[in-house]
Amino acid sequence: MADSETTRVLFRKSRDGQITAVFPDVRESPRAQLFACYAHVGQHGSCDPAWVREDTRPAKPAEYDNLKRELEREPYGYELVVMARIDGSCFE
């Protein structure tokens, strides 16, 4: 379970319609350029910022609501702050 701190997240929709939660502040390793991510199918993984930028679009609240609720419940217990974009980045 996540601690009481908030976690920044971007919800993105891929071309095939899958919704993915992207955690820009969580990296695979200290030197990794990959973001941690989570989806209903495949669950936890990592994603390249280029994939997020080039092959997805921002998901609408109605599209990501189920995934958000899943991540906020046990066993994850995240307190999510949904971001439309990351400051200073190329995400839109």
Protein backbone atom coordinates (compact mmCIF):
# COMPACT_ATOMS: atom_id res chain seq x y z
CA MET A 1 0.00 0.00 0.00
CA ALA A 2 1.21 3.52 -0.75
CA ASP A 3 1.98 5.80 2.16
CA SER A 4 -0.10 8.89 2.99
CA GLU A 5 1.74 11.03 0.46
CA THR A 6 0.14 11.88 -2.83
CA THR A 7 1.28 10.35 -6.10
CA ARG A 8 1.22 12.24 -9.39
CA VAL A 9 -0.35 10.33 -12.28
CA LEU A 10 -1.22 10.87 -15.91
CA PHE A 11 -4.01 8.75 -17.35
CA ARG A 12 -3.38 8.09 -21.04
CA LYS A 13 -5.40 6.35 -23.74
CA SER A 14 -3.49 4.37 -26.35
CA ARG A 15 -4.52 3.93 -29.96
CA ASP A 16 -5.96 0.50 -29.15
CA GLY A 17 -8.19 2.06 -26.47
CA GLN A 18 -6.31 0.83 -23.40
CA ILE A 19 -6.11 3.23 -20.47
CA THR A 20 -2.76 3.40 -18.70
CA ALA A 21 -1.81 5.18 -15.48
CA VAL A 22 1.65 6.72 -15.93
CA PHE A 23 3.65 7.64 -12.82
CA PRO A 24 6.22 10.23 -13.99
CA ASP A 25 7.93 10.46 -10.60
CA VAL A 26 8.50 6.70 -10.32
CA ARG A 27 11.39 5.35 -12.39
CA GLU A 28 12.45 1.78 -13.04
CA SER A 29 15.88 2.57 -11.56
CA PRO A 30 17.75 5.75 -10.64
CA ARG A 31 19.23 5.99 -14.15
CA ALA A 32 16.25 4.68 -16.10
CA GLN A 33 14.42 6.93 -18.50
CA LEU A 34 11.28 4.77 -18.24
CA PHE A 35 8.23 5.74 -16.20
CA ALA A 36 6.41 3.26 -14.02
CA CYS A 37 2.91 2.55 -15.30
CA TYR A 38 -0.15 0.43 -14.54
CA ALA A 39 -3.01 -0.87 -16.69
CA HIS A 40 -5.88 -3.32 -16.09
CA VAL A 41 -4.26 -5.62 -18.67
CA GLY A 42 -0.62 -6.25 -17.87
CA GLN A 43 -0.81 -4.39 -14.57
CA HIS A 44 2.53 -2.93 -13.38
CA GLY A 45 5.22 -2.22 -15.91
CA SER A 46 7.30 0.55 -17.38
CA CYS A 47 6.79 2.80 -20.37
CA ASP A 48 8.96 4.97 -22.51
CA PRO A 49 8.19 8.71 -22.44
CA ALA A 50 8.24 8.65 -26.26
CA TRP A 51 5.38 6.10 -26.27
CA VAL A 52 3.39 8.27 -23.89
CA ARG A 53 4.02 11.39 -25.97
CA GLU A 54 3.61 9.91 -29.46
CA ASP A 55 1.20 6.98 -29.15
CA THR A 56 -1.26 8.08 -26.47
CA ARG A 57 -3.54 10.98 -25.70
CA PRO A 58 -4.86 12.27 -22.37
CA ALA A 59 -7.70 10.08 -21.16
CA LYS A 60 -10.97 11.71 -20.15
CA PRO A 61 -12.21 11.26 -16.56
CA ALA A 62 -15.00 8.93 -17.70
CA GLU A 63 -12.38 6.79 -19.47
CA TYR A 64 -9.97 6.46 -16.54
CA ASP A 65 -12.40 6.45 -13.61
CA ASN A 66 -12.38 2.64 -13.13
CA LEU A 67 -8.58 2.45 -13.22
CA LYS A 68 -8.26 5.38 -10.81
CA ARG A 69 -10.64 3.74 -8.34
CA GLU A 70 -8.70 0.46 -8.62
CA LEU A 71 -5.45 2.21 -7.74
CA GLU A 72 -7.01 4.07 -4.81
CA ARG A 73 -8.38 0.86 -3.21
CA GLU A 74 -6.51 -1.87 -1.36
CA PRO A 75 -3.97 -3.26 -1.86
CA TYR A 76 -2.56 -0.16 -3.61
CA GLY A 77 -4.16 2.64 -1.62
CA TYR A 78 -2.71 5.47 -3.68
CA GLU A 79 -3.78 9.05 -3.02
CA LEU A 80 -3.61 10.21 -6.61
CA VAL A 81 -3.16 13.69 -8.01
CA VAL A 82 -4.26 13.56 -11.63
CA MET A 83 -2.10 15.70 -13.88
CA ALA A 84 -3.06 16.86 -17.37
CA ARG A 85 0.62 17.38 -18.16
CA ILE A 86 3.94 17.44 -16.38
CA ASP A 87 5.40 20.93 -15.93
CA GLY A 88 8.32 21.60 -18.24
CA SER A 89 7.71 18.48 -20.31
CA CYS A 90 6.34 17.72 -23.72
CA PHE A 91 3.26 15.93 -22.38
CA GLU A 92 -0.02 17.43 -23.48
